[in-house]
Amino acid sequence: MFLTYLFLFSIGVVLGLVVWNLEKKNKGFKNVSRPIVKALFLVSLIVMIIGFTMAYLDVFRLGVYILIPILAVFLVRKTFIYFQAKN
């Protein structure tokens, strides 16, 4: 189970680096990527809440499987934006 979460997190880190690189090269992509990341984060939270309240473990896991890579993408983007602004 731990390896699944580690794998999902590593996928999110790679996607975060790709998104950050695309945002750096194409300024218009930033206007598209931000709402998509926020929407997927919101969808994963809603799916997790529905799965938790209805006691469906599979639905809850689906929300977690969506949340982990999206959270990693968000963290990678914010980290690189912070270091870029600092320099």
PDB file of N, CA and C in Angstrom:
ATOM      1  N   MET A   1       0.824  -1.186   0.000  1.00  0.00           N
ATOM      2  CA  MET A   1       0.000   0.000   0.000  1.00  0.00           C
ATOM      3  C   MET A   1       0.874   1.258   0.000  1.00  0.00           C
ATOM      4  N   PHE A   2       1.952   1.221   0.761  1.00  0.00           N
ATOM      5  CA  PHE A   2       2.849   2.370   0.822  1.00  0.00           C
ATOM      6  C   PHE A   2       3.494   2.638  -0.532  1.00  0.00           C
ATOM      7  N   LEU A   3       3.842   1.565  -1.251  1.00  0.00           N
ATOM      8  CA  LEU A   3       4.463   1.735  -2.563  1.00  0.00           C
ATOM      9  C   LEU A   3       3.498   2.368  -3.561  1.00  0.00           C
ATOM     10  N   THR A   4       2.216   2.078  -3.419  1.00  0.00           N
ATOM     11  CA  THR A   4       1.220   2.701  -4.292  1.00  0.00           C
ATOM     12  C   THR A   4       1.201   4.201  -4.090  1.00  0.00           C
ATOM     13  N   TYR A   5       1.196   4.632  -2.830  1.00  0.00           N
ATOM     14  CA  TYR A   5       1.187   6.066  -2.539  1.00  0.00           C
ATOM     15  C   TYR A   5       2.489   6.731  -2.974  1.00  0.00           C
ATOM     16  N   LEU A   6       3.604   6.041  -2.795  1.00  0.00           N
ATOM     17  CA  LEU A   6       4.893   6.571  -3.239  1.00  0.00           C
ATOM     18  C   LEU A   6       4.935   6.712  -4.760  1.00  0.00           C
ATOM     19  N   PHE A   7       4.399   5.724  -5.446  1.00  0.00           N
ATOM     20  CA  PHE A   7       4.329   5.772  -6.907  1.00  0.00           C
ATOM     21  C   PHE A   7       3.447   6.929  -7.366  1.00  0.00           C
ATOM     22  N   LEU A   8       2.297   7.107  -6.734  1.00  0.00           N
ATOM     23  CA  LEU A   8       1.407   8.212  -7.092  1.00  0.00           C
ATOM     24  C   LEU A   8       2.061   9.562  -6.820  1.00  0.00           C
ATOM     25  N   PHE A   9       2.783   9.661  -5.708  1.00  0.00           N
ATOM     26  CA  PHE A   9       3.467  10.912  -5.392  1.00  0.00           C
ATOM     27  C   PHE A   9       4.561  11.210  -6.404  1.00  0.00           C
ATOM     28  N   SER A  10       5.301  10.176  -6.812  1.00  0.00           N
ATOM     29  CA  SER A  10       6.361  10.400  -7.802  1.00  0.00           C
ATOM     30  C   SER A  10       5.777  10.793  -9.156  1.00  0.00           C
ATOM     31  N   ILE A  11       4.634  10.237  -9.523  1.00  0.00           N
ATOM     32  CA  ILE A  11       3.954  10.658 -10.751  1.00  0.00           C
ATOM     33  C   ILE A  11       3.562  12.124 -10.643  1.00  0.00           C
ATOM     34  N   GLY A  12       3.067  12.522  -9.484  1.00  0.00           N
ATOM     35  CA  GLY A  12       2.696  13.913  -9.273  1.00  0.00           C
ATOM     36  C   GLY A  12       3.885  14.850  -9.349  1.00  0.00           C
ATOM     37  N   VAL A  13       5.019  14.426  -8.824  1.00  0.00           N
ATOM     38  CA  VAL A  13       6.226  15.265  -8.890  1.00  0.00           C
ATOM     39  C   VAL A  13       6.664  15.447 -10.340  1.00  0.00           C
ATOM     40  N   VAL A  14       6.643  14.378 -11.105  1.00  0.00           N
ATOM     41  CA  VAL A  14       7.024  14.476 -12.520  1.00  0.00           C
ATOM     42  C   VAL A  14       6.041  15.375 -13.268  1.00  0.00           C
ATOM     43  N   LEU A  15       4.744  15.188 -13.028  1.00  0.00           N
ATOM     44  CA  LEU A  15       3.752  16.051 -13.673  1.00  0.00           C
ATOM     45  C   LEU A  15       3.916  17.502 -13.244  1.00  0.00           C
ATOM     46  N   GLY A  16       4.257  17.710 -11.983  1.00  0.00           N
ATOM     47  CA  GLY A  16       4.485  19.066 -11.501  1.00  0.00           C
ATOM     48  C   GLY A  16       5.652  19.729 -12.204  1.00  0.00           C
ATOM     49  N   LEU A  17       6.717  18.973 -12.421  1.00  0.00           N
ATOM     50  CA  LEU A  17       7.871  19.524 -13.145  1.00  0.00           C
ATOM     51  C   LEU A  17       7.524  19.837 -14.594  1.00  0.00           C
ATOM     52  N   VAL A  18       6.728  18.971 -15.209  1.00  0.00           N
ATOM     53  CA  VAL A  18       6.311  19.214 -16.592  1.00  0.00           C
ATOM     54  C   VAL A  18       5.429  20.456 -16.673  1.00  0.00           C
ATOM     55  N   VAL A  19       4.465  20.562 -15.758  1.00  0.00           N
ATOM     56  CA  VAL A  19       3.570  21.723 -15.755  1.00  0.00           C
ATOM     57  C   VAL A  19       4.356  23.000 -15.484  1.00  0.00           C
ATOM     58  N   TRP A  20       5.277  22.944 -14.546  1.00  0.00           N
ATOM     59  CA  TRP A  20       6.081  24.137 -14.234  1.00  0.00           C
ATOM     60  C   TRP A  20       6.925  24.567 -15.432  1.00  0.00           C
ATOM     61  N   ASN A  21       7.509  23.581 -16.119  1.00  0.00           N
ATOM     62  CA  ASN A  21       8.324  23.893 -17.290  1.00  0.00           C
ATOM     63  C   ASN A  21       7.461  24.486 -18.404  1.00  0.00           C
ATOM     64  N   LEU A  22       6.267  23.944 -18.607  1.00  0.00           N
ATOM     65  CA  LEU A  22       5.369  24.493 -19.624  1.00  0.00           C
ATOM     66  C   LEU A  22       4.905  25.900 -19.259  1.00  0.00           C
ATOM     67  N   GLU A  23       4.667  26.135 -17.974  1.00  0.00           N
ATOM     68  CA  GLU A  23       4.268  27.475 -17.538  1.00  0.00           C
ATOM     69  C   GLU A  23       5.397  28.479 -17.742  1.00  0.00           C
ATOM     70  N   LYS A  24       6.621  28.020 -17.545  1.00  0.00           N
ATOM     71  CA  LYS A  24       7.770  28.911 -17.710  1.00  0.00           C
ATOM     72  C   LYS A  24       7.956  29.297 -19.182  1.00  0.00           C
ATOM     73  N   LYS A  25       7.721  28.350 -20.080  1.00  0.00           N
ATOM     74  CA  LYS A  25       7.908  28.614 -21.503  1.00  0.00           C
ATOM     75  C   LYS A  25       6.721  29.351 -22.119  1.00  0.00           C
ATOM     76  N   ASN A  26       5.515  29.042 -21.672  1.00  0.00           N
ATOM     77  CA  ASN A  26       4.313  29.607 -22.270  1.00  0.00           C
ATOM     78  C   ASN A  26       3.493  30.276 -21.174  1.00  0.00           C
ATOM     79  N   LYS A  27       3.457  31.572 -21.167  1.00  0.00           N
ATOM     80  CA  LYS A  27       2.766  32.311 -20.097  1.00  0.00           C
ATOM     81  C   LYS A  27       1.254  32.095 -20.139  1.00  0.00           C
ATOM     82  N   GLY A  28       0.690  31.831 -21.315  1.00  0.00           N
ATOM     83  CA  GLY A  28      -0.750  31.597 -21.417  1.00  0.00           C
ATOM     84  C   GLY A  28      -1.172  30.274 -20.803  1.00  0.00           C
ATOM     85  N   PHE A  29      -0.244  29.333 -20.715  1.00  0.00           N
ATOM     86  CA  PHE A  29      -0.563  28.028 -20.135  1.00  0.00           C
ATOM     87  C   PHE A  29      -0.855  28.138 -18.648  1.00  0.00           C
ATOM     88  N   LYS A  30      -0.288  29.134 -18.001  1.00  0.00           N
ATOM     89  CA  LYS A  30      -0.505  29.327 -16.569  1.00  0.00           C
ATOM     90  C   LYS A  30      -1.975  29.627 -16.281  1.00  0.00           C
ATOM     91  N   ASN A  31      -2.629  30.356 -17.181  1.00  0.00           N
ATOM     92  CA  ASN A  31      -4.043  30.669 -17.002  1.00  0.00           C
ATOM     93  C   ASN A  31      -4.925  29.442 -17.153  1.00  0.00           C
ATOM     94  N   VAL A  32      -4.429  28.420 -17.821  1.00  0.00           N
ATOM     95  CA  VAL A  32      -5.186  27.187 -18.008  1.00  0.00           C
ATOM     96  C   VAL A  32      -4.876  26.182 -16.905  1.00  0.00           C
ATOM     97  N   SER A  33      -3.618  26.085 -16.524  1.00  0.00           N
ATOM     98  CA  SER A  33      -3.213  25.038 -15.585  1.00  0.00           C
ATOM     99  C   SER A  33      -3.697  25.293 -14.162  1.00  0.00           C
ATOM    100  N   ARG A  34      -3.704  26.531 -13.734  1.00  0.00           N
ATOM    101  CA  ARG A  34      -4.134  26.832 -12.362  1.00  0.00           C
ATOM    102  C   ARG A  34      -5.569  26.402 -12.087  1.00  0.00           C
ATOM    103  N   PRO A  35      -6.548  26.788 -12.932  1.00  0.00           N
ATOM    104  CA  PRO A  35      -7.923  26.344 -12.647  1.00  0.00           C
ATOM    105  C   PRO A  35      -8.103  24.833 -12.739  1.00  0.00           C
ATOM    106  N   ILE A  36      -7.343  24.181 -13.638  1.00  0.00           N
ATOM    107  CA  ILE A  36      -7.465  22.732 -13.760  1.00  0.00           C
ATOM    108  C   ILE A  36      -6.956  22.042 -12.501  1.00  0.00           C
ATOM    109  N   VAL A  37      -5.820  22.472 -11.983  1.00  0.00           N
ATOM    110  CA  VAL A  37      -5.273  21.873 -10.757  1.00  0.00           C
ATOM    111  C   VAL A  37      -6.221  22.110  -9.584  1.00  0.00           C
ATOM    112  N   LYS A  38      -6.758  23.315  -9.485  1.00  0.00           N
ATOM    113  CA  LYS A  38      -7.695  23.617  -8.399  1.00  0.00           C
ATOM    114  C   LYS A  38      -8.976  22.809  -8.524  1.00  0.00           C
ATOM    115  N   ALA A  39      -9.480  22.635  -9.755  1.00  0.00           N
ATOM    116  CA  ALA A  39     -10.705  21.864  -9.961  1.00  0.00           C
ATOM    117  C   ALA A  39     -10.491  20.390  -9.629  1.00  0.00           C
ATOM    118  N   LEU A  40      -9.367  19.830 -10.041  1.00  0.00           N
ATOM    119  CA  LEU A  40      -9.085  18.428  -9.720  1.00  0.00           C
ATOM    120  C   LEU A  40      -8.896  18.226  -8.221  1.00  0.00           C
ATOM    121  N   PHE A  41      -8.294  19.188  -7.560  1.00  0.00           N
ATOM    122  CA  PHE A  41      -8.146  19.118  -6.107  1.00  0.00           C
ATOM    123  C   PHE A  41      -9.514  19.121  -5.434  1.00  0.00           C
ATOM    124  N   LEU A  42     -10.404  19.996  -5.895  1.00  0.00           N
ATOM    125  CA  LEU A  42     -11.751  20.070  -5.340  1.00  0.00           C
ATOM    126  C   LEU A  42     -12.538  18.795  -5.618  1.00  0.00           C
ATOM    127  N   VAL A  43     -12.415  18.252  -6.820  1.00  0.00           N
ATOM    128  CA  VAL A  43     -13.106  17.005  -7.163  1.00  0.00           C
ATOM    129  C   VAL A  43     -12.622  15.866  -6.276  1.00  0.00           C
ATOM    130  N   SER A  44     -11.322  15.781  -6.049  1.00  0.00           N
ATOM    131  CA  SER A  44     -10.800  14.699  -5.209  1.00  0.00           C
ATOM    132  C   SER A  44     -11.297  14.825  -3.774  1.00  0.00           C
ATOM    133  N   LEU A  45     -11.375  16.053  -3.260  1.00  0.00           N
ATOM    134  CA  LEU A  45     -11.909  16.231  -1.907  1.00  0.00           C
ATOM    135  C   LEU A  45     -13.378  15.850  -1.830  1.00  0.00           C
ATOM    136  N   ILE A  46     -14.159  16.216  -2.842  1.00  0.00           N
ATOM    137  CA  ILE A  46     -15.578  15.857  -2.857  1.00  0.00           C
ATOM    138  C   ILE A  46     -15.750  14.349  -2.925  1.00  0.00           C
ATOM    139  N   VAL A  47     -14.968  13.688  -3.765  1.00  0.00           N
ATOM    140  CA  VAL A  47     -15.051  12.228  -3.875  1.00  0.00           C
ATOM    141  C   VAL A  47     -14.659  11.570  -2.556  1.00  0.00           C
ATOM    142  N   MET A  48     -13.628  12.091  -1.894  1.00  0.00           N
ATOM    143  CA  MET A  48     -13.226  11.529  -0.601  1.00  0.00           C
ATOM    144  C   MET A  48     -14.315  11.718   0.447  1.00  0.00           C
ATOM    145  N   ILE A  49     -14.947  12.879   0.480  1.00  0.00           N
ATOM    146  CA  ILE A  49     -16.005  13.133   1.460  1.00  0.00           C
ATOM    147  C   ILE A  49     -17.198  12.231   1.196  1.00  0.00           C
ATOM    148  N   ILE A  50     -17.579  12.079  -0.069  1.00  0.00           N
ATOM    149  CA  ILE A  50     -18.702  11.194  -0.399  1.00  0.00           C
ATOM    150  C   ILE A  50     -18.371   9.763  -0.011  1.00  0.00           C
ATOM    151  N   GLY A  51     -17.176   9.308  -0.335  1.00  0.00           N
ATOM    152  CA  GLY A  51     -16.788   7.943   0.017  1.00  0.00           C
ATOM    153  C   GLY A  51     -16.714   7.722   1.513  1.00  0.00           C
ATOM    154  N   PHE A  52     -16.264   8.725   2.258  1.00  0.00           N
ATOM    155  CA  PHE A  52     -16.154   8.588   3.710  1.00  0.00           C
ATOM    156  C   PHE A  52     -17.521   8.592   4.374  1.00  0.00           C
ATOM    157  N   THR A  53     -18.406   9.489   3.938  1.00  0.00           N
ATOM    158  CA  THR A  53     -19.718   9.581   4.583  1.00  0.00           C
ATOM    159  C   THR A  53     -20.615   8.410   4.225  1.00  0.00           C
ATOM    160  N   MET A  54     -20.448   7.845   3.041  1.00  0.00           N
ATOM    161  CA  MET A  54     -21.282   6.709   2.644  1.00  0.00           C
ATOM    162  C   MET A  54     -20.613   5.377   2.963  1.00  0.00           C
ATOM    163  N   ALA A  55     -19.438   5.433   3.576  1.00  0.00           N
ATOM    164  CA  ALA A  55     -18.686   4.248   3.994  1.00  0.00           C
ATOM    165  C   ALA A  55     -18.324   3.350   2.814  1.00  0.00           C
ATOM    166  N   TYR A  56     -18.032   3.964   1.685  1.00  0.00           N
ATOM    167  CA  TYR A  56     -17.528   3.226   0.535  1.00  0.00           C
ATOM    168  C   TYR A  56     -16.021   3.420   0.479  1.00  0.00           C
ATOM    169  N   LEU A  57     -15.298   2.391   0.841  1.00  0.00           N
ATOM    170  CA  LEU A  57     -13.844   2.497   0.895  1.00  0.00           C
ATOM    171  C   LEU A  57     -13.234   2.663  -0.498  1.00  0.00           C
ATOM    172  N   ASP A  58     -13.851   2.028  -1.504  1.00  0.00           N
ATOM    173  CA  ASP A  58     -13.312   2.150  -2.859  1.00  0.00           C
ATOM    174  C   ASP A  58     -13.436   3.572  -3.387  1.00  0.00           C
ATOM    175  N   VAL A  59     -14.538   4.232  -3.087  1.00  0.00           N
ATOM    176  CA  VAL A  59     -14.723   5.617  -3.525  1.00  0.00           C
ATOM    177  C   VAL A  59     -13.750   6.525  -2.781  1.00  0.00           C
ATOM    178  N   PHE A  60     -13.551   6.272  -1.500  1.00  0.00           N
ATOM    179  CA  PHE A  60     -12.596   7.054  -0.717  1.00  0.00           C
ATOM    180  C   PHE A  60     -11.182   6.891  -1.265  1.00  0.00           C
ATOM    181  N   ARG A  61     -10.814   5.650  -1.592  1.00  0.00           N
ATOM    182  CA  ARG A  61      -9.482   5.408  -2.163  1.00  0.00           C
ATOM    183  C   ARG A  61      -9.309   6.097  -3.505  1.00  0.00           C
ATOM    184  N   LEU A  62     -10.372   6.126  -4.300  1.00  0.00           N
ATOM    185  CA  LEU A  62     -10.310   6.827  -5.574  1.00  0.00           C
ATOM    186  C   LEU A  62     -10.005   8.303  -5.357  1.00  0.00           C
ATOM    187  N   GLY A  63     -10.636   8.905  -4.363  1.00  0.00           N
ATOM    188  CA  GLY A  63     -10.351  10.301  -4.037  1.00  0.00           C
ATOM    189  C   GLY A  63      -8.919  10.500  -3.592  1.00  0.00           C
ATOM    190  N   VAL A  64      -8.402   9.559  -2.808  1.00  0.00           N
ATOM    191  CA  VAL A  64      -7.004   9.644  -2.360  1.00  0.00           C
ATOM    192  C   VAL A  64      -6.058   9.470  -3.538  1.00  0.00           C
ATOM    193  N   TYR A  65      -6.402   8.549  -4.457  1.00  0.00           N
ATOM    194  CA  TYR A  65      -5.557   8.322  -5.625  1.00  0.00           C
ATOM    195  C   TYR A  65      -5.530   9.534  -6.548  1.00  0.00           C
ATOM    196  N   ILE A  66      -6.580  10.331  -6.552  1.00  0.00           N
ATOM    197  CA  ILE A  66      -6.581  11.573  -7.328  1.00  0.00           C
ATOM    198  C   ILE A  66      -5.857  12.671  -6.554  1.00  0.00           C
ATOM    199  N   LEU A  67      -6.044  12.704  -5.240  1.00  0.00           N
ATOM    200  CA  LEU A  67      -5.513  13.786  -4.411  1.00  0.00           C
ATOM    201  C   LEU A  67      -3.983  13.795  -4.344  1.00  0.00           C
ATOM    202  N   ILE A  68      -3.366  12.643  -4.200  1.00  0.00           N
ATOM    203  CA  ILE A  68      -1.916  12.588  -3.988  1.00  0.00           C
ATOM    204  C   ILE A  68      -1.131  13.180  -5.165  1.00  0.00           C
ATOM    205  N   PRO A  69      -1.396  12.779  -6.417  1.00  0.00           N
ATOM    206  CA  PRO A  69      -0.630  13.413  -7.509  1.00  0.00           C
ATOM    207  C   PRO A  69      -0.934  14.898  -7.682  1.00  0.00           C
ATOM    208  N   ILE A  70      -2.193  15.287  -7.488  1.00  0.00           N
ATOM    209  CA  ILE A  70      -2.552  16.699  -7.638  1.00  0.00           C
ATOM    210  C   ILE A  70      -1.876  17.528  -6.551  1.00  0.00           C
ATOM    211  N   LEU A  71      -1.818  17.000  -5.340  1.00  0.00           N
ATOM    212  CA  LEU A  71      -1.138  17.707  -4.255  1.00  0.00           C
ATOM    213  C   LEU A  71       0.359  17.837  -4.551  1.00  0.00           C
ATOM    214  N   ALA A  72       0.953  16.788  -5.121  1.00  0.00           N
ATOM    215  CA  ALA A  72       2.373  16.856  -5.480  1.00  0.00           C
ATOM    216  C   ALA A  72       2.613  17.884  -6.584  1.00  0.00           C
ATOM    217  N   VAL A  73       1.716  17.942  -7.569  1.00  0.00           N
ATOM    218  CA  VAL A  73       1.835  18.953  -8.629  1.00  0.00           C
ATOM    219  C   VAL A  73       1.770  20.348  -8.024  1.00  0.00           C
ATOM    220  N   PHE A  74       0.829  20.557  -7.121  1.00  0.00           N
ATOM    221  CA  PHE A  74       0.670  21.857  -6.474  1.00  0.00           C
ATOM    222  C   PHE A  74       1.922  22.234  -5.683  1.00  0.00           C
ATOM    223  N   LEU A  75       2.456  21.279  -4.924  1.00  0.00           N
ATOM    224  CA  LEU A  75       3.642  21.559  -4.113  1.00  0.00           C
ATOM    225  C   LEU A  75       4.870  21.857  -4.971  1.00  0.00           C
ATOM    226  N   VAL A  76       5.042  21.115  -6.052  1.00  0.00           N
ATOM    227  CA  VAL A  76       6.191  21.349  -6.934  1.00  0.00           C
ATOM    228  C   VAL A  76       6.089  22.725  -7.568  1.00  0.00           C
ATOM    229  N   ARG A  77       4.910  23.082  -8.053  1.00  0.00           N
ATOM    230  CA  ARG A  77       4.737  24.400  -8.676  1.00  0.00           C
ATOM    231  C   ARG A  77       5.019  25.514  -7.678  1.00  0.00           C
ATOM    232  N   LYS A  78       4.480  25.399  -6.485  1.00  0.00           N
ATOM    233  CA  LYS A  78       4.673  26.451  -5.486  1.00  0.00           C
ATOM    234  C   LYS A  78       6.130  26.539  -5.036  1.00  0.00           C
ATOM    235  N   THR A  79       6.794  25.396  -4.916  1.00  0.00           N
ATOM    236  CA  THR A  79       8.192  25.394  -4.496  1.00  0.00           C
ATOM    237  C   THR A  79       9.068  26.097  -5.526  1.00  0.00           C
ATOM    238  N   PHE A  80       8.892  25.766  -6.796  1.00  0.00           N
ATOM    239  CA  PHE A  80       9.710  26.396  -7.827  1.00  0.00           C
ATOM    240  C   PHE A  80       9.363  27.863  -7.998  1.00  0.00           C
ATOM    241  N   ILE A  81       8.105  28.225  -7.842  1.00  0.00           N
ATOM    242  CA  ILE A  81       7.720  29.639  -7.921  1.00  0.00           C
ATOM    243  C   ILE A  81       8.357  30.406  -6.770  1.00  0.00           C
ATOM    244  N   TYR A  82       8.398  29.798  -5.570  1.00  0.00           N
ATOM    245  CA  TYR A  82       9.006  30.456  -4.412  1.00  0.00           C
ATOM    246  C   TYR A  82      10.495  30.683  -4.634  1.00  0.00           C
ATOM    247  N   PHE A  83      11.207  29.653  -5.085  1.00  0.00           N
ATOM    248  CA  PHE A  83      12.646  29.798  -5.293  1.00  0.00           C
ATOM    249  C   PHE A  83      12.963  30.727  -6.461  1.00  0.00           C
ATOM    250  N   GLN A  84      12.103  30.735  -7.468  1.00  0.00           N
ATOM    251  CA  GLN A  84      12.315  31.634  -8.593  1.00  0.00           C
ATOM    252  C   GLN A  84      12.115  33.085  -8.161  1.00  0.00           C
ATOM    253  N   ALA A  85      11.130  33.337  -7.316  1.00  0.00           N
ATOM    254  CA  ALA A  85      10.884  34.696  -6.829  1.00  0.00           C
ATOM    255  C   ALA A  85      11.976  35.131  -5.856  1.00  0.00           C
ATOM    256  N   LYS A  86      12.525  34.171  -5.112  1.00  0.00           N
ATOM    257  CA  LYS A  86      13.562  34.493  -4.140  1.00  0.00           C
ATOM    258  C   LYS A  86      14.857  34.916  -4.829  1.00  0.00           C
ATOM    259  N   ASN A  87      15.149  34.284  -5.952  1.00  0.00           N
ATOM    260  CA  ASN A  87      16.373  34.627  -6.693  1.00  0.00           C
ATOM    261  C   ASN A  87      16.086  35.846  -7.515  1.00  0.00           C
TER     262      ASN A  87
END
